[in-house]
């Protein structure tokens, strides 16, 4: 059984955040210094989230109808309690339109991860999904914890591997051993599940990183507390060490193309849907901007406690 206080203490220090070798949003790599903190050994599980809901009566965003005033012009069918679910396509499709495999599903929520008729029976130790940023923050507050900054999260994910591409070294599958729950096969229709899982996996199913942390890569993306910003917006010169960076401002995080102007937070770690042929974001440096109101079937979180002198 998982414990709400199953955490690892990390000393903090200086590390290189981001990457100049992959996606543009990871650039430029910057030297960063952070303080000590404790972090959950694994993502928050369905069992843990159920304890929170039982104790507090919390109702997630996915279980609540959306306010039409917040989404002018939206299809009313999308404003009922719902969440975003990955649905594989029937065959190969162009990869330039993610709406081909993502669907708003009425009745999808943390208890019903694939929609009505599905359940979390037998999934107690799988990461909770279909939680938006407010849901994750509410759980963290209930436990006396917080969500990590992007820098804290990335430092923890890198373990003792420094600038290595992956959290475990330089090879994706060292000696043929799968180190994380990601996609094998042709995305988004053919998952060979060579790692043993098509969707989420129980936390701890793959080896921990050098800090003893599980599922920092793959399985589910994880919320951070940072508003999304470009790395070149961090203070100071790229040649200088940045102390304890925090993600920019709420307004700056909004995608100018979004008519609803929903702010976005940074998520990290990739998920079981990251594929070498499509989304190589199963790396510590990888990052994604996620609208704060949106929950999905591949997004969860873990918490931290900062250590003050």
C-alpha atoms as a PDB file:
ATOM      1  CA  UNK A   1       0.000   0.000   0.000  1.00  0.00           C
ATOM      2  CA  UNK A   2       1.325   3.449  -0.944  1.00  0.00           C
ATOM      3  CA  UNK A   3       1.991   6.031   1.761  1.00  0.00           C
ATOM      4  CA  UNK A   4       1.144   9.724   1.487  1.00  0.00           C
ATOM      5  CA  UNK A   5       4.503  10.467   3.144  1.00  0.00           C
ATOM      6  CA  UNK A   6       6.626   8.187   0.950  1.00  0.00           C
ATOM      7  CA  UNK A   7       9.147  10.871   0.005  1.00  0.00           C
ATOM      8  CA  UNK A   8      12.837  11.186  -0.860  1.00  0.00           C
ATOM      9  CA  UNK A   9      14.990  14.020   0.483  1.00  0.00           C
ATOM     10  CA  UNK A  10      17.160  15.754  -2.113  1.00  0.00           C
ATOM     11  CA  UNK A  11      20.001  18.149  -1.251  1.00  0.00           C
ATOM     12  CA  UNK A  12      19.508  20.573  -4.129  1.00  0.00           C
ATOM     13  CA  UNK A  13      22.444  22.199  -5.850  1.00  0.00           C
ATOM     14  CA  UNK A  14      23.501  23.352  -9.303  1.00  0.00           C
ATOM     15  CA  UNK A  15      22.516  21.546 -12.503  1.00  0.00           C
ATOM     16  CA  UNK A  16      22.006  22.235 -16.190  1.00  0.00           C
ATOM     17  CA  UNK A  17      18.297  22.736 -16.955  1.00  0.00           C
ATOM     18  CA  UNK A  18      16.876  22.317 -20.447  1.00  0.00           C
ATOM     19  CA  UNK A  19      18.549  21.082 -23.623  1.00  0.00           C
ATOM     20  CA  UNK A  20      20.005  22.653 -26.751  1.00  0.00           C
ATOM     21  CA  UNK A  21      19.764  19.380 -28.668  1.00  0.00           C
ATOM     22  CA  UNK A  22      16.019  18.689 -28.912  1.00  0.00           C
ATOM     23  CA  UNK A  23      12.797  20.704 -29.113  1.00  0.00           C
ATOM     24  CA  UNK A  24      12.944  24.532 -29.366  1.00  0.00           C
ATOM     25  CA  UNK A  25      11.012  25.101 -26.133  1.00  0.00           C
ATOM     26  CA  UNK A  26      13.827  23.397 -24.183  1.00  0.00           C
ATOM     27  CA  UNK A  27      16.380  26.005 -25.295  1.00  0.00           C
ATOM     28  CA  UNK A  28      18.617  27.514 -24.160  1.00  0.00           C
ATOM     29  CA  UNK A  29      19.970  25.144 -21.543  1.00  0.00           C
ATOM     30  CA  UNK A  30      20.700  27.133 -18.382  1.00  0.00           C
ATOM     31  CA  UNK A  31      22.717  26.504 -15.239  1.00  0.00           C
ATOM     32  CA  UNK A  32      20.324  26.597 -12.290  1.00  0.00           C
ATOM     33  CA  UNK A  33      20.690  26.425  -8.507  1.00  0.00           C
ATOM     34  CA  UNK A  34      17.903  25.162  -6.255  1.00  0.00           C
ATOM     35  CA  UNK A  35      17.567  24.483  -2.543  1.00  0.00           C
ATOM     36  CA  UNK A  36      16.878  21.198  -0.737  1.00  0.00           C
ATOM     37  CA  UNK A  37      13.435  19.601  -0.778  1.00  0.00           C
ATOM     38  CA  UNK A  38      11.615  16.320  -0.334  1.00  0.00           C
ATOM     39  CA  UNK A  39       9.638  14.845  -3.223  1.00  0.00           C
ATOM     40  CA  UNK A  40       7.108  12.045  -3.546  1.00  0.00           C
ATOM     41  CA  UNK A  41       8.757   8.802  -4.507  1.00  0.00           C
ATOM     42  CA  UNK A  42       6.122   8.241  -7.195  1.00  0.00           C
ATOM     43  CA  UNK A  43       3.149  10.033  -8.801  1.00  0.00           C
ATOM     44  CA  UNK A  44       0.005  10.334  -6.704  1.00  0.00           C
ATOM     45  CA  UNK A  45      -2.042   7.177  -7.127  1.00  0.00           C
ATOM     46  CA  UNK A  46      -5.753   6.476  -7.414  1.00  0.00           C
ATOM     47  CA  UNK A  47      -5.677   5.056  -3.887  1.00  0.00           C
ATOM     48  CA  UNK A  48      -4.124   8.227  -2.495  1.00  0.00           C
ATOM     49  CA  UNK A  49      -6.462  10.514  -4.420  1.00  0.00           C
ATOM     50  CA  UNK A  50      -9.474   8.487  -3.273  1.00  0.00           C
ATOM     51  CA  UNK A  51      -8.389   9.037   0.355  1.00  0.00           C
ATOM     52  CA  UNK A  52      -8.252  12.786  -0.318  1.00  0.00           C
ATOM     53  CA  UNK A  53     -11.731  12.805  -1.889  1.00  0.00           C
ATOM     54  CA  UNK A  54     -13.181  10.724   0.959  1.00  0.00           C
ATOM     55  CA  UNK A  55     -11.711  13.098   3.562  1.00  0.00           C
ATOM     56  CA  UNK A  56     -12.580  16.387   1.877  1.00  0.00           C
ATOM     57  CA  UNK A  57     -15.479  15.764  -0.510  1.00  0.00           C
ATOM     58  CA  UNK A  58     -13.417  17.311  -3.305  1.00  0.00           C
ATOM     59  CA  UNK A  59     -15.125  17.262  -6.702  1.00  0.00           C
ATOM     60  CA  UNK A  60     -12.748  17.463  -9.640  1.00  0.00           C
ATOM     61  CA  UNK A  61     -13.141  19.814 -12.550  1.00  0.00           C
ATOM     62  CA  UNK A  62     -13.878  16.889 -14.870  1.00  0.00           C
ATOM     63  CA  UNK A  63     -16.906  16.047 -12.698  1.00  0.00           C
ATOM     64  CA  UNK A  64     -18.284  19.612 -12.863  1.00  0.00           C
ATOM     65  CA  UNK A  65     -20.119  21.309 -15.753  1.00  0.00           C
ATOM     66  CA  UNK A  66     -18.138  24.163 -17.266  1.00  0.00           C
ATOM     67  CA  UNK A  67     -19.437  27.725 -17.012  1.00  0.00           C
ATOM     68  CA  UNK A  68     -20.505  28.902 -20.518  1.00  0.00           C
ATOM     69  CA  UNK A  69     -19.355  32.417 -19.609  1.00  0.00           C
ATOM     70  CA  UNK A  70     -15.774  31.145 -19.445  1.00  0.00           C
ATOM     71  CA  UNK A  71     -15.952  29.639 -22.939  1.00  0.00           C
ATOM     72  CA  UNK A  72     -17.852  32.012 -25.236  1.00  0.00           C
ATOM     73  CA  UNK A  73     -19.063  30.311 -28.386  1.00  0.00           C
ATOM     74  CA  UNK A  74     -18.160  26.817 -27.178  1.00  0.00           C
ATOM     75  CA  UNK A  75     -20.179  23.794 -28.232  1.00  0.00           C
ATOM     76  CA  UNK A  76     -22.572  23.100 -25.296  1.00  0.00           C
ATOM     77  CA  UNK A  77     -21.763  19.402 -25.654  1.00  0.00           C
ATOM     78  CA  UNK A  78     -18.218  20.187 -24.513  1.00  0.00           C
ATOM     79  CA  UNK A  79     -19.398  21.989 -21.367  1.00  0.00           C
ATOM     80  CA  UNK A  80     -20.919  18.966 -19.646  1.00  0.00           C
ATOM     81  CA  UNK A  81     -18.749  17.117 -17.102  1.00  0.00           C
ATOM     82  CA  UNK A  82     -16.040  15.622 -19.301  1.00  0.00           C
ATOM     83  CA  UNK A  83     -12.330  15.177 -19.814  1.00  0.00           C
ATOM     84  CA  UNK A  84      -9.902  14.513 -22.632  1.00  0.00           C
ATOM     85  CA  UNK A  85      -9.252  10.850 -23.478  1.00  0.00           C
ATOM     86  CA  UNK A  86      -6.725   9.336 -25.846  1.00  0.00           C
ATOM     87  CA  UNK A  87      -8.513   7.177 -28.442  1.00  0.00           C
ATOM     88  CA  UNK A  88      -6.208   5.331 -30.868  1.00  0.00           C
ATOM     89  CA  UNK A  89      -6.954   5.765 -34.542  1.00  0.00           C
ATOM     90  CA  UNK A  90      -7.935   2.849 -36.784  1.00  0.00           C
ATOM     91  CA  UNK A  91      -4.780   3.154 -38.834  1.00  0.00           C
ATOM     92  CA  UNK A  92      -1.951   5.522 -39.829  1.00  0.00           C
ATOM     93  CA  UNK A  93      -2.864   9.220 -39.924  1.00  0.00           C
ATOM     94  CA  UNK A  94      -0.911  12.440 -40.514  1.00  0.00           C
ATOM     95  CA  UNK A  95       0.648  13.517 -37.235  1.00  0.00           C
ATOM     96  CA  UNK A  96       0.000  17.246 -37.611  1.00  0.00           C
ATOM     97  CA  UNK A  97      -3.489  17.206 -36.051  1.00  0.00           C
ATOM     98  CA  UNK A  98      -3.713  15.857 -32.505  1.00  0.00           C
ATOM     99  CA  UNK A  99      -7.516  16.098 -32.556  1.00  0.00           C
ATOM    100  CA  UNK A 100      -7.494  12.855 -34.519  1.00  0.00           C
ATOM    101  CA  UNK A 101      -6.627  10.913 -31.342  1.00  0.00           C
ATOM    102  CA  UNK A 102      -7.802  13.175 -28.509  1.00  0.00           C
ATOM    103  CA  UNK A 103     -11.519  13.337 -27.713  1.00  0.00           C
ATOM    104  CA  UNK A 104     -13.573  15.166 -25.085  1.00  0.00           C
ATOM    105  CA  UNK A 105     -15.529  12.322 -23.506  1.00  0.00           C
ATOM    106  CA  UNK A 106     -18.592  13.127 -21.409  1.00  0.00           C
ATOM    107  CA  UNK A 107     -18.404  11.250 -18.124  1.00  0.00           C
ATOM    108  CA  UNK A 108     -14.630  10.703 -18.235  1.00  0.00           C
ATOM    109  CA  UNK A 109     -13.036  11.537 -14.887  1.00  0.00           C
ATOM    110  CA  UNK A 110     -10.556  10.114 -12.394  1.00  0.00           C
ATOM    111  CA  UNK A 111     -12.955   7.319 -11.417  1.00  0.00           C
ATOM    112  CA  UNK A 112     -13.849   6.586 -15.056  1.00  0.00           C
ATOM    113  CA  UNK A 113     -10.593   7.095 -16.982  1.00  0.00           C
ATOM    114  CA  UNK A 114     -11.949   5.993 -20.358  1.00  0.00           C
ATOM    115  CA  UNK A 115     -15.438   7.379 -19.870  1.00  0.00           C
ATOM    116  CA  UNK A 116     -18.746   5.887 -18.680  1.00  0.00           C
ATOM    117  CA  UNK A 117     -18.524   2.143 -18.213  1.00  0.00           C
ATOM    118  CA  UNK A 118     -14.833   2.243 -17.282  1.00  0.00           C
ATOM    119  CA  UNK A 119     -13.541   2.220 -13.732  1.00  0.00           C
ATOM    120  CA  UNK A 120     -10.383   2.198 -11.631  1.00  0.00           C
ATOM    121  CA  UNK A 121     -11.097  -1.244 -10.220  1.00  0.00           C
ATOM    122  CA  UNK A 122      -7.710  -2.957  -9.991  1.00  0.00           C
ATOM    123  CA  UNK A 123      -5.917   0.353 -10.672  1.00  0.00           C
ATOM    124  CA  UNK A 124      -5.365   1.495  -7.080  1.00  0.00           C
ATOM    125  CA  UNK A 125      -1.609   1.831  -7.589  1.00  0.00           C
ATOM    126  CA  UNK A 126      -1.831   3.479 -11.011  1.00  0.00           C
ATOM    127  CA  UNK A 127      -1.313   7.256 -11.196  1.00  0.00           C
ATOM    128  CA  UNK A 128      -4.494   9.262 -10.837  1.00  0.00           C
ATOM    129  CA  UNK A 129      -5.412  10.996 -14.106  1.00  0.00           C
ATOM    130  CA  UNK A 130      -8.102  13.433 -15.259  1.00  0.00           C
ATOM    131  CA  UNK A 131      -7.021  16.019 -12.685  1.00  0.00           C
ATOM    132  CA  UNK A 132      -6.486  19.610 -13.703  1.00  0.00           C
ATOM    133  CA  UNK A 133      -4.067  21.999 -12.022  1.00  0.00           C
ATOM    134  CA  UNK A 134      -6.538  23.119  -9.344  1.00  0.00           C
ATOM    135  CA  UNK A 135      -7.287  19.492  -8.437  1.00  0.00           C
ATOM    136  CA  UNK A 136      -3.582  18.707  -8.071  1.00  0.00           C
ATOM    137  CA  UNK A 137      -2.970  21.842  -5.993  1.00  0.00           C
ATOM    138  CA  UNK A 138      -5.918  21.017  -3.719  1.00  0.00           C
ATOM    139  CA  UNK A 139      -4.525  17.549  -3.034  1.00  0.00           C
ATOM    140  CA  UNK A 140      -1.078  18.988  -2.350  1.00  0.00           C
ATOM    141  CA  UNK A 141      -2.509  21.504   0.137  1.00  0.00           C
ATOM    142  CA  UNK A 142      -4.449  18.747   1.918  1.00  0.00           C
ATOM    143  CA  UNK A 143      -1.225  16.824   2.486  1.00  0.00           C
ATOM    144  CA  UNK A 144       0.714  19.902   3.595  1.00  0.00           C
ATOM    145  CA  UNK A 145       2.789  19.767   0.435  1.00  0.00           C
ATOM    146  CA  UNK A 146       3.155  21.793  -2.764  1.00  0.00           C
ATOM    147  CA  UNK A 147       3.579  21.185  -6.459  1.00  0.00           C
ATOM    148  CA  UNK A 148       7.225  21.449  -7.601  1.00  0.00           C
ATOM    149  CA  UNK A 149       8.641  24.167  -9.775  1.00  0.00           C
ATOM    150  CA  UNK A 150       9.838  23.063 -13.193  1.00  0.00           C
ATOM    151  CA  UNK A 151      13.438  23.405 -12.010  1.00  0.00           C
ATOM    152  CA  UNK A 152      12.834  21.295  -8.904  1.00  0.00           C
ATOM    153  CA  UNK A 153      11.060  18.660 -10.956  1.00  0.00           C
ATOM    154  CA  UNK A 154      13.806  18.487 -13.584  1.00  0.00           C
ATOM    155  CA  UNK A 155      16.578  18.324 -10.979  1.00  0.00           C
ATOM    156  CA  UNK A 156      14.772  15.396  -9.335  1.00  0.00           C
ATOM    157  CA  UNK A 157      14.217  13.639 -12.673  1.00  0.00           C
ATOM    158  CA  UNK A 158      17.868  13.837 -13.668  1.00  0.00           C
ATOM    159  CA  UNK A 159      18.919  11.844 -10.618  1.00  0.00           C
ATOM    160  CA  UNK A 160      22.662  11.296 -10.751  1.00  0.00           C
ATOM    161  CA  UNK A 161      22.854  11.302 -14.569  1.00  0.00           C
ATOM    162  CA  UNK A 162      23.733  14.962 -15.068  1.00  0.00           C
ATOM    163  CA  UNK A 163      23.278  16.063 -18.686  1.00  0.00           C
ATOM    164  CA  UNK A 164      22.435  12.576 -19.974  1.00  0.00           C
ATOM    165  CA  UNK A 165      19.582  12.507 -22.472  1.00  0.00           C
ATOM    166  CA  UNK A 166      17.475  10.168 -20.349  1.00  0.00           C
ATOM    167  CA  UNK A 167      16.944   9.901 -16.599  1.00  0.00           C
ATOM    168  CA  UNK A 168      18.975   6.669 -16.608  1.00  0.00           C
ATOM    169  CA  UNK A 169      21.734   7.442 -19.119  1.00  0.00           C
ATOM    170  CA  UNK A 170      22.317   7.841 -22.842  1.00  0.00           C
ATOM    171  CA  UNK A 171      20.463   4.800 -24.243  1.00  0.00           C
ATOM    172  CA  UNK A 172      16.674   4.667 -24.472  1.00  0.00           C
ATOM    173  CA  UNK A 173      16.556   0.895 -23.957  1.00  0.00           C
ATOM    174  CA  UNK A 174      19.900  -0.106 -22.379  1.00  0.00           C
ATOM    175  CA  UNK A 175      20.713  -3.750 -23.097  1.00  0.00           C
ATOM    176  CA  UNK A 176      17.138  -4.184 -24.319  1.00  0.00           C
ATOM    177  CA  UNK A 177      15.612  -3.239 -20.951  1.00  0.00           C
ATOM    178  CA  UNK A 178      12.660  -0.853 -20.954  1.00  0.00           C
ATOM    179  CA  UNK A 179      13.195   1.844 -18.345  1.00  0.00           C
ATOM    180  CA  UNK A 180       9.880   3.691 -18.568  1.00  0.00           C
ATOM    181  CA  UNK A 181       6.301   3.297 -19.739  1.00  0.00           C
ATOM    182  CA  UNK A 182       6.271   4.890 -23.200  1.00  0.00           C
ATOM    183  CA  UNK A 183       4.848   3.992 -26.622  1.00  0.00           C
ATOM    184  CA  UNK A 184       6.392   1.292 -28.792  1.00  0.00           C
ATOM    185  CA  UNK A 185       5.123   0.897 -32.318  1.00  0.00           C
ATOM    186  CA  UNK A 186       3.496   3.285 -34.767  1.00  0.00           C
ATOM    187  CA  UNK A 187       1.738   6.198 -33.094  1.00  0.00           C
ATOM    188  CA  UNK A 188      -1.223   6.760 -32.731  1.00  0.00           C
ATOM    189  CA  UNK A 189      -2.719   3.478 -33.805  1.00  0.00           C
ATOM    190  CA  UNK A 190      -0.348   0.579 -33.150  1.00  0.00           C
ATOM    191  CA  UNK A 191       1.165   0.113 -29.701  1.00  0.00           C
ATOM    192  CA  UNK A 192       3.136  -3.117 -29.451  1.00  0.00           C
ATOM    193  CA  UNK A 193       3.397  -2.689 -25.655  1.00  0.00           C
ATOM    194  CA  UNK A 194       6.892  -4.177 -25.550  1.00  0.00           C
ATOM    195  CA  UNK A 195       7.280  -2.572 -22.116  1.00  0.00           C
ATOM    196  CA  UNK A 196       4.206  -4.469 -20.876  1.00  0.00           C
ATOM    197  CA  UNK A 197       1.662  -1.641 -20.848  1.00  0.00           C
ATOM    198  CA  UNK A 198      -0.696   0.009 -23.339  1.00  0.00           C
ATOM    199  CA  UNK A 199      -1.972   2.680 -20.976  1.00  0.00           C
ATOM    200  CA  UNK A 200      -0.840   3.612 -17.454  1.00  0.00           C
ATOM    201  CA  UNK A 201       1.187   1.220 -15.309  1.00  0.00           C
ATOM    202  CA  UNK A 202       1.334   0.724 -11.531  1.00  0.00           C
ATOM    203  CA  UNK A 203       3.803   3.164  -9.991  1.00  0.00           C
ATOM    204  CA  UNK A 204       7.164   1.526  -9.441  1.00  0.00           C
ATOM    205  CA  UNK A 205       6.846  -0.896 -12.362  1.00  0.00           C
ATOM    206  CA  UNK A 206      10.121   0.367 -13.849  1.00  0.00           C
ATOM    207  CA  UNK A 207      13.520   0.966 -12.225  1.00  0.00           C
ATOM    208  CA  UNK A 208      13.943   4.109 -10.104  1.00  0.00           C
ATOM    209  CA  UNK A 209      16.364   6.834 -11.122  1.00  0.00           C
ATOM    210  CA  UNK A 210      19.574   7.571  -9.255  1.00  0.00           C
ATOM    211  CA  UNK A 211      17.669   9.427  -6.534  1.00  0.00           C
ATOM    212  CA  UNK A 212      15.343   6.472  -5.928  1.00  0.00           C
ATOM    213  CA  UNK A 213      12.372   8.139  -7.643  1.00  0.00           C
ATOM    214  CA  UNK A 214       9.924   6.166  -9.763  1.00  0.00           C
ATOM    215  CA  UNK A 215       8.129   7.153 -12.974  1.00  0.00           C
ATOM    216  CA  UNK A 216       9.800  10.521 -13.382  1.00  0.00           C
ATOM    217  CA  UNK A 217       9.770   9.632 -17.069  1.00  0.00           C
ATOM    218  CA  UNK A 218       6.777   8.182 -18.918  1.00  0.00           C
ATOM    219  CA  UNK A 219       3.562   6.758 -17.470  1.00  0.00           C
ATOM    220  CA  UNK A 220       1.912  10.190 -16.953  1.00  0.00           C
ATOM    221  CA  UNK A 221       2.886  13.795 -17.513  1.00  0.00           C
ATOM    222  CA  UNK A 222       3.119  15.723 -14.236  1.00  0.00           C
ATOM    223  CA  UNK A 223       1.907  19.194 -13.289  1.00  0.00           C
ATOM    224  CA  UNK A 224       4.340  21.776 -11.909  1.00  0.00           C
ATOM    225  CA  UNK A 225       3.448  25.050 -10.205  1.00  0.00           C
ATOM    226  CA  UNK A 226       5.177  27.181 -12.870  1.00  0.00           C
ATOM    227  CA  UNK A 227       3.359  29.306 -15.391  1.00  0.00           C
ATOM    228  CA  UNK A 228       4.663  28.302 -18.796  1.00  0.00           C
ATOM    229  CA  UNK A 229       7.398  30.532 -20.188  1.00  0.00           C
ATOM    230  CA  UNK A 230      10.266  30.178 -22.625  1.00  0.00           C
ATOM    231  CA  UNK A 231      13.664  29.353 -21.166  1.00  0.00           C
ATOM    232  CA  UNK A 232      15.143  32.533 -22.601  1.00  0.00           C
ATOM    233  CA  UNK A 233      12.715  34.483 -20.380  1.00  0.00           C
ATOM    234  CA  UNK A 234      14.572  33.328 -17.260  1.00  0.00           C
ATOM    235  CA  UNK A 235      16.421  36.192 -15.530  1.00  0.00           C
ATOM    236  CA  UNK A 236      20.083  36.876 -16.132  1.00  0.00           C
ATOM    237  CA  UNK A 237      22.449  35.882 -18.898  1.00  0.00           C
ATOM    238  CA  UNK A 238      22.558  32.288 -20.223  1.00  0.00           C
ATOM    239  CA  UNK A 239      26.169  32.207 -19.031  1.00  0.00           C
ATOM    240  CA  UNK A 240      25.155  32.891 -15.411  1.00  0.00           C
ATOM    241  CA  UNK A 241      23.638  30.619 -12.782  1.00  0.00           C
ATOM    242  CA  UNK A 242      19.955  31.277 -12.147  1.00  0.00           C
ATOM    243  CA  UNK A 243      18.845  30.875  -8.530  1.00  0.00           C
ATOM    244  CA  UNK A 244      15.582  29.012  -7.878  1.00  0.00           C
ATOM    245  CA  UNK A 245      13.762  30.022 -11.085  1.00  0.00           C
ATOM    246  CA  UNK A 246       9.976  30.233 -11.076  1.00  0.00           C
ATOM    247  CA  UNK A 247       7.774  30.174 -14.159  1.00  0.00           C
ATOM    248  CA  UNK A 248       6.870  33.667 -15.421  1.00  0.00           C
ATOM    249  CA  UNK A 249       3.443  35.289 -15.219  1.00  0.00           C
ATOM    250  CA  UNK A 250      -0.109  34.081 -15.685  1.00  0.00           C
ATOM    251  CA  UNK A 251      -0.835  36.493 -18.538  1.00  0.00           C
ATOM    252  CA  UNK A 252       2.395  35.691 -20.369  1.00  0.00           C
ATOM    253  CA  UNK A 253       1.534  31.988 -20.253  1.00  0.00           C
ATOM    254  CA  UNK A 254      -1.597  32.425 -22.384  1.00  0.00           C
ATOM    255  CA  UNK A 255      -1.407  31.211 -25.977  1.00  0.00           C
ATOM    256  CA  UNK A 256      -2.254  34.170 -28.200  1.00  0.00           C
ATOM    257  CA  UNK A 257      -4.203  31.828 -30.508  1.00  0.00           C
ATOM    258  CA  UNK A 258      -6.586  30.773 -27.702  1.00  0.00           C
ATOM    259  CA  UNK A 259      -9.873  32.722 -27.867  1.00  0.00           C
ATOM    260  CA  UNK A 260     -10.762  31.668 -24.312  1.00  0.00           C
ATOM    261  CA  UNK A 261      -7.380  32.944 -23.037  1.00  0.00           C
ATOM    262  CA  UNK A 262      -6.777  30.026 -20.672  1.00  0.00           C
ATOM    263  CA  UNK A 263      -3.442  30.347 -18.827  1.00  0.00           C
ATOM    264  CA  UNK A 264      -1.042  27.420 -19.006  1.00  0.00           C
ATOM    265  CA  UNK A 265       1.284  25.693 -16.552  1.00  0.00           C
ATOM    266  CA  UNK A 266       4.383  23.674 -17.368  1.00  0.00           C
ATOM    267  CA  UNK A 267       4.111  19.888 -17.277  1.00  0.00           C
ATOM    268  CA  UNK A 268       7.050  17.505 -17.304  1.00  0.00           C
ATOM    269  CA  UNK A 269       8.112  13.920 -17.861  1.00  0.00           C
ATOM    270  CA  UNK A 270       6.231  12.650 -20.870  1.00  0.00           C
ATOM    271  CA  UNK A 271       3.753   9.787 -20.704  1.00  0.00           C
ATOM    272  CA  UNK A 272       2.880   6.329 -21.976  1.00  0.00           C
ATOM    273  CA  UNK A 273       1.858   8.059 -25.221  1.00  0.00           C
ATOM    274  CA  UNK A 274       5.306   9.490 -26.000  1.00  0.00           C
ATOM    275  CA  UNK A 275       6.727   7.688 -29.027  1.00  0.00           C
ATOM    276  CA  UNK A 276      10.095   7.877 -30.798  1.00  0.00           C
ATOM    277  CA  UNK A 277       8.181   8.480 -34.038  1.00  0.00           C
ATOM    278  CA  UNK A 278       6.118  11.393 -32.703  1.00  0.00           C
ATOM    279  CA  UNK A 279       6.831  12.857 -29.253  1.00  0.00           C
ATOM    280  CA  UNK A 280      10.339  12.318 -27.894  1.00  0.00           C
ATOM    281  CA  UNK A 281       9.477  14.008 -24.626  1.00  0.00           C
ATOM    282  CA  UNK A 282      10.403  11.077 -22.370  1.00  0.00           C
ATOM    283  CA  UNK A 283      13.431  13.078 -21.144  1.00  0.00           C
ATOM    284  CA  UNK A 284      14.083  15.256 -18.080  1.00  0.00           C
ATOM    285  CA  UNK A 285      14.560  18.383 -20.209  1.00  0.00           C
ATOM    286  CA  UNK A 286      11.295  17.958 -22.110  1.00  0.00           C
ATOM    287  CA  UNK A 287       8.357  20.192 -21.237  1.00  0.00           C
ATOM    288  CA  UNK A 288       4.828  20.918 -22.345  1.00  0.00           C
ATOM    289  CA  UNK A 289       2.409  23.833 -21.866  1.00  0.00           C
ATOM    290  CA  UNK A 290      -0.914  22.630 -20.464  1.00  0.00           C
ATOM    291  CA  UNK A 291      -4.066  24.773 -20.049  1.00  0.00           C
ATOM    292  CA  UNK A 292      -4.845  24.886 -16.330  1.00  0.00           C
ATOM    293  CA  UNK A 293      -8.510  23.974 -16.843  1.00  0.00           C
ATOM    294  CA  UNK A 294      -7.808  20.832 -18.878  1.00  0.00           C
ATOM    295  CA  UNK A 295      -7.514  17.301 -17.544  1.00  0.00           C
ATOM    296  CA  UNK A 296      -6.520  14.306 -19.640  1.00  0.00           C
ATOM    297  CA  UNK A 297      -6.072  10.546 -19.485  1.00  0.00           C
ATOM    298  CA  UNK A 298      -2.266  10.862 -19.422  1.00  0.00           C
ATOM    299  CA  UNK A 299      -1.643  13.689 -16.933  1.00  0.00           C
ATOM    300  CA  UNK A 300      -1.078  13.366 -13.177  1.00  0.00           C
ATOM    301  CA  UNK A 301       1.238  14.896 -10.564  1.00  0.00           C
ATOM    302  CA  UNK A 302       3.476  14.442  -7.539  1.00  0.00           C
ATOM    303  CA  UNK A 303       4.199  16.758  -4.612  1.00  0.00           C
ATOM    304  CA  UNK A 304       7.144  18.215  -2.700  1.00  0.00           C
ATOM    305  CA  UNK A 305       7.992  19.761   0.657  1.00  0.00           C
ATOM    306  CA  UNK A 306      10.708  22.403   0.594  1.00  0.00           C
ATOM    307  CA  UNK A 307      13.318  22.301   3.348  1.00  0.00           C
ATOM    308  CA  UNK A 308      14.089  25.656   4.909  1.00  0.00           C
ATOM    309  CA  UNK A 309      17.302  26.326   6.886  1.00  0.00           C
END
